[in-house]
């Protein structure tokens, strides 16, 4: 009799625990930090290339600053997927420019680019 009561109590306890347990999402969900990636590179002919793999729901802004921290370019990404964007800097001439990528208001990439 005691064994039957103990077994029944154990089964109720295990059933309640399995119903209230959170699902295992460790292998089925990718973190936003892993899904987001941004790079800035200088290409030939004074082209600044932005590459962004954008996580869904993020607000991403691409910026280029010139002398005295004057902003000369800005673009806000509105698409959910990634983007490759080339900015032709040949009209701005020689000098050092700063390319910036912001994600949700936080700067994630800052790179000095020198045009020759």
C-alpha atoms as a PDB file:
ATOM      1  CA  UNK A   1       0.000   0.000   0.000  1.00  0.00           C
ATOM      2  CA  UNK A   2       2.798   2.424   0.935  1.00  0.00           C
ATOM      3  CA  UNK A   3       4.601   1.616  -2.325  1.00  0.00           C
ATOM      4  CA  UNK A   4       1.478   2.351  -4.370  1.00  0.00           C
ATOM      5  CA  UNK A   5       0.988   5.731  -2.666  1.00  0.00           C
ATOM      6  CA  UNK A   6       4.667   6.632  -3.082  1.00  0.00           C
ATOM      7  CA  UNK A   7       4.599   5.620  -6.760  1.00  0.00           C
ATOM      8  CA  UNK A   8       1.423   7.634  -7.409  1.00  0.00           C
ATOM      9  CA  UNK A   9       2.880  10.681  -5.634  1.00  0.00           C
ATOM     10  CA  UNK A  10       6.084  10.395  -7.656  1.00  0.00           C
ATOM     11  CA  UNK A  11       4.135  10.177 -10.925  1.00  0.00           C
ATOM     12  CA  UNK A  12       2.089  13.283 -10.021  1.00  0.00           C
ATOM     13  CA  UNK A  13       5.265  15.161  -9.099  1.00  0.00           C
ATOM     14  CA  UNK A  14       7.033  14.214 -12.360  1.00  0.00           C
ATOM     15  CA  UNK A  15       3.981  15.102 -14.454  1.00  0.00           C
ATOM     16  CA  UNK A  16       3.715  18.517 -12.793  1.00  0.00           C
ATOM     17  CA  UNK A  17       7.446  19.138 -13.255  1.00  0.00           C
ATOM     18  CA  UNK A  18       7.358  18.259 -16.948  1.00  0.00           C
ATOM     19  CA  UNK A  19       4.328  20.494 -17.583  1.00  0.00           C
ATOM     20  CA  UNK A  20       5.919  23.530 -15.928  1.00  0.00           C
ATOM     21  CA  UNK A  21       9.429  23.071 -17.330  1.00  0.00           C
ATOM     22  CA  UNK A  22      10.601  25.586 -19.946  1.00  0.00           C
ATOM     23  CA  UNK A  23      11.261  24.165 -23.409  1.00  0.00           C
ATOM     24  CA  UNK A  24      14.869  23.493 -24.355  1.00  0.00           C
ATOM     25  CA  UNK A  25      15.818  26.215 -26.837  1.00  0.00           C
ATOM     26  CA  UNK A  26      19.583  25.900 -26.672  1.00  0.00           C
ATOM     27  CA  UNK A  27      19.858  24.299 -30.110  1.00  0.00           C
ATOM     28  CA  UNK A  28      16.854  25.755 -31.898  1.00  0.00           C
ATOM     29  CA  UNK A  29      17.348  29.471 -31.386  1.00  0.00           C
ATOM     30  CA  UNK A  30      20.217  31.642 -32.624  1.00  0.00           C
ATOM     31  CA  UNK A  31      21.205  34.564 -30.458  1.00  0.00           C
ATOM     32  CA  UNK A  32      20.841  38.010 -32.036  1.00  0.00           C
ATOM     33  CA  UNK A  33      24.503  38.690 -31.288  1.00  0.00           C
ATOM     34  CA  UNK A  34      25.514  35.657 -33.351  1.00  0.00           C
ATOM     35  CA  UNK A  35      23.159  36.522 -36.206  1.00  0.00           C
ATOM     36  CA  UNK A  36      24.384  40.127 -36.550  1.00  0.00           C
ATOM     37  CA  UNK A  37      27.617  40.890 -38.359  1.00  0.00           C
ATOM     38  CA  UNK A  38      29.006  44.122 -39.808  1.00  0.00           C
ATOM     39  CA  UNK A  39      32.241  44.942 -41.629  1.00  0.00           C
ATOM     40  CA  UNK A  40      33.681  48.019 -43.329  1.00  0.00           C
ATOM     41  CA  UNK A  41      36.434  47.774 -45.969  1.00  0.00           C
ATOM     42  CA  UNK A  42      38.188  50.030 -48.455  1.00  0.00           C
ATOM     43  CA  UNK A  43      37.924  48.689 -52.005  1.00  0.00           C
ATOM     44  CA  UNK A  44      39.768  49.802 -55.146  1.00  0.00           C
ATOM     45  CA  UNK A  45      38.955  53.209 -56.679  1.00  0.00           C
ATOM     46  CA  UNK A  46      38.141  54.761 -53.264  1.00  0.00           C
ATOM     47  CA  UNK A  47      35.004  52.717 -52.619  1.00  0.00           C
ATOM     48  CA  UNK A  48      33.998  52.128 -48.994  1.00  0.00           C
ATOM     49  CA  UNK A  49      32.133  48.845 -48.717  1.00  0.00           C
ATOM     50  CA  UNK A  50      29.674  48.180 -45.896  1.00  0.00           C
ATOM     51  CA  UNK A  51      28.530  44.574 -45.352  1.00  0.00           C
ATOM     52  CA  UNK A  52      25.813  43.950 -42.813  1.00  0.00           C
ATOM     53  CA  UNK A  53      24.104  40.695 -41.894  1.00  0.00           C
ATOM     54  CA  UNK A  54      21.142  42.207 -40.095  1.00  0.00           C
ATOM     55  CA  UNK A  55      19.209  40.432 -37.382  1.00  0.00           C
ATOM     56  CA  UNK A  56      15.443  40.854 -37.529  1.00  0.00           C
ATOM     57  CA  UNK A  57      14.146  43.870 -35.659  1.00  0.00           C
ATOM     58  CA  UNK A  58      17.490  45.664 -35.364  1.00  0.00           C
ATOM     59  CA  UNK A  59      17.852  49.304 -36.352  1.00  0.00           C
ATOM     60  CA  UNK A  60      21.151  49.659 -38.221  1.00  0.00           C
ATOM     61  CA  UNK A  61      22.635  52.998 -39.314  1.00  0.00           C
ATOM     62  CA  UNK A  62      25.677  53.389 -41.578  1.00  0.00           C
ATOM     63  CA  UNK A  63      27.646  56.655 -41.316  1.00  0.00           C
ATOM     64  CA  UNK A  64      30.777  58.229 -42.771  1.00  0.00           C
ATOM     65  CA  UNK A  65      32.483  61.184 -41.093  1.00  0.00           C
ATOM     66  CA  UNK A  66      35.000  63.517 -42.724  1.00  0.00           C
ATOM     67  CA  UNK A  67      37.298  66.236 -41.362  1.00  0.00           C
ATOM     68  CA  UNK A  68      36.422  67.693 -37.957  1.00  0.00           C
ATOM     69  CA  UNK A  69      33.885  64.908 -37.384  1.00  0.00           C
ATOM     70  CA  UNK A  70      31.473  66.284 -40.042  1.00  0.00           C
ATOM     71  CA  UNK A  71      28.953  63.662 -41.132  1.00  0.00           C
ATOM     72  CA  UNK A  72      29.031  63.315 -44.925  1.00  0.00           C
ATOM     73  CA  UNK A  73      26.912  60.174 -45.315  1.00  0.00           C
ATOM     74  CA  UNK A  74      24.174  58.377 -43.386  1.00  0.00           C
ATOM     75  CA  UNK A  75      21.816  55.554 -44.279  1.00  0.00           C
ATOM     76  CA  UNK A  76      19.334  53.748 -42.063  1.00  0.00           C
ATOM     77  CA  UNK A  77      18.673  50.117 -42.982  1.00  0.00           C
ATOM     78  CA  UNK A  78      15.023  49.197 -43.124  1.00  0.00           C
ATOM     79  CA  UNK A  79      15.222  45.672 -44.544  1.00  0.00           C
ATOM     80  CA  UNK A  80      15.272  42.561 -42.387  1.00  0.00           C
ATOM     81  CA  UNK A  81      17.967  40.795 -44.390  1.00  0.00           C
ATOM     82  CA  UNK A  82      21.588  41.752 -44.887  1.00  0.00           C
ATOM     83  CA  UNK A  83      23.040  44.310 -47.223  1.00  0.00           C
ATOM     84  CA  UNK A  84      26.190  45.069 -49.153  1.00  0.00           C
ATOM     85  CA  UNK A  85      26.530  48.785 -49.864  1.00  0.00           C
ATOM     86  CA  UNK A  86      29.323  50.552 -51.735  1.00  0.00           C
ATOM     87  CA  UNK A  87      29.938  54.281 -51.206  1.00  0.00           C
ATOM     88  CA  UNK A  88      31.970  55.981 -53.937  1.00  0.00           C
ATOM     89  CA  UNK A  89      34.275  58.409 -52.143  1.00  0.00           C
ATOM     90  CA  UNK A  90      36.210  59.612 -55.203  1.00  0.00           C
ATOM     91  CA  UNK A  91      34.461  63.004 -55.191  1.00  0.00           C
ATOM     92  CA  UNK A  92      35.563  63.705 -51.607  1.00  0.00           C
ATOM     93  CA  UNK A  93      39.288  63.525 -52.328  1.00  0.00           C
ATOM     94  CA  UNK A  94      42.278  62.352 -50.335  1.00  0.00           C
ATOM     95  CA  UNK A  95      42.103  62.195 -46.580  1.00  0.00           C
ATOM     96  CA  UNK A  96      41.110  60.082 -43.633  1.00  0.00           C
ATOM     97  CA  UNK A  97      37.436  59.298 -43.102  1.00  0.00           C
ATOM     98  CA  UNK A  98      35.708  57.397 -40.344  1.00  0.00           C
ATOM     99  CA  UNK A  99      33.125  54.727 -41.201  1.00  0.00           C
ATOM    100  CA  UNK A 100      30.687  53.800 -38.422  1.00  0.00           C
ATOM    101  CA  UNK A 101      28.018  51.113 -38.073  1.00  0.00           C
ATOM    102  CA  UNK A 102      25.449  51.548 -35.294  1.00  0.00           C
ATOM    103  CA  UNK A 103      23.074  48.818 -34.122  1.00  0.00           C
ATOM    104  CA  UNK A 104      20.067  49.864 -32.042  1.00  0.00           C
ATOM    105  CA  UNK A 105      21.792  53.138 -31.136  1.00  0.00           C
ATOM    106  CA  UNK A 106      25.071  51.491 -30.074  1.00  0.00           C
ATOM    107  CA  UNK A 107      28.234  51.805 -32.132  1.00  0.00           C
ATOM    108  CA  UNK A 108      29.465  48.339 -33.136  1.00  0.00           C
ATOM    109  CA  UNK A 109      32.057  49.170 -35.815  1.00  0.00           C
ATOM    110  CA  UNK A 110      34.314  52.221 -36.185  1.00  0.00           C
ATOM    111  CA  UNK A 111      37.055  52.162 -38.767  1.00  0.00           C
ATOM    112  CA  UNK A 112      39.386  54.867 -40.079  1.00  0.00           C
ATOM    113  CA  UNK A 113      39.676  54.771 -43.878  1.00  0.00           C
ATOM    114  CA  UNK A 114      42.477  56.676 -45.641  1.00  0.00           C
ATOM    115  CA  UNK A 115      41.897  57.605 -49.275  1.00  0.00           C
ATOM    116  CA  UNK A 116      44.997  58.203 -51.382  1.00  0.00           C
END
